[in-house]
């Protein structure tokens, strides 16, 4: 009986790690656009695991650097982008709702460990086909 329980625990541990790791940057390849009208025309495009472009309206800005940590839930997604005044470092949270929907929050200051409307904008993005 103890061996059976040990096997079940090991199997569940393996499966939970596999599911958590299946949500990675490669799974986000594609164009993601906001679905709320107040953010109309905004989002990002994951070209591959090394190239991401932010866009808003007609502006397109490639990320200079980024770090995505999918071991956290929600995932931490921090990046640096060049703006008209120089480079800007931003912290954000990213939660994959399903294959075509993401919850994303950009923080005004220090990132929280969870989504909170009191410290930045929360957006929902849909994958465009």
Foldseek 3Di string as FASTA:
>chain_A
DVVVVVVVVVVVVVVVVVVLVVPDLQLQAAWKAFPDPVQHQWGKHDPGPFWIWTTGHPDIWIWPDWDWASVAVQIKIWTWTADPVGIDIWIKTWHDPDSFKIKMWIFPDDDDSDDDPVTTDITMITGDD
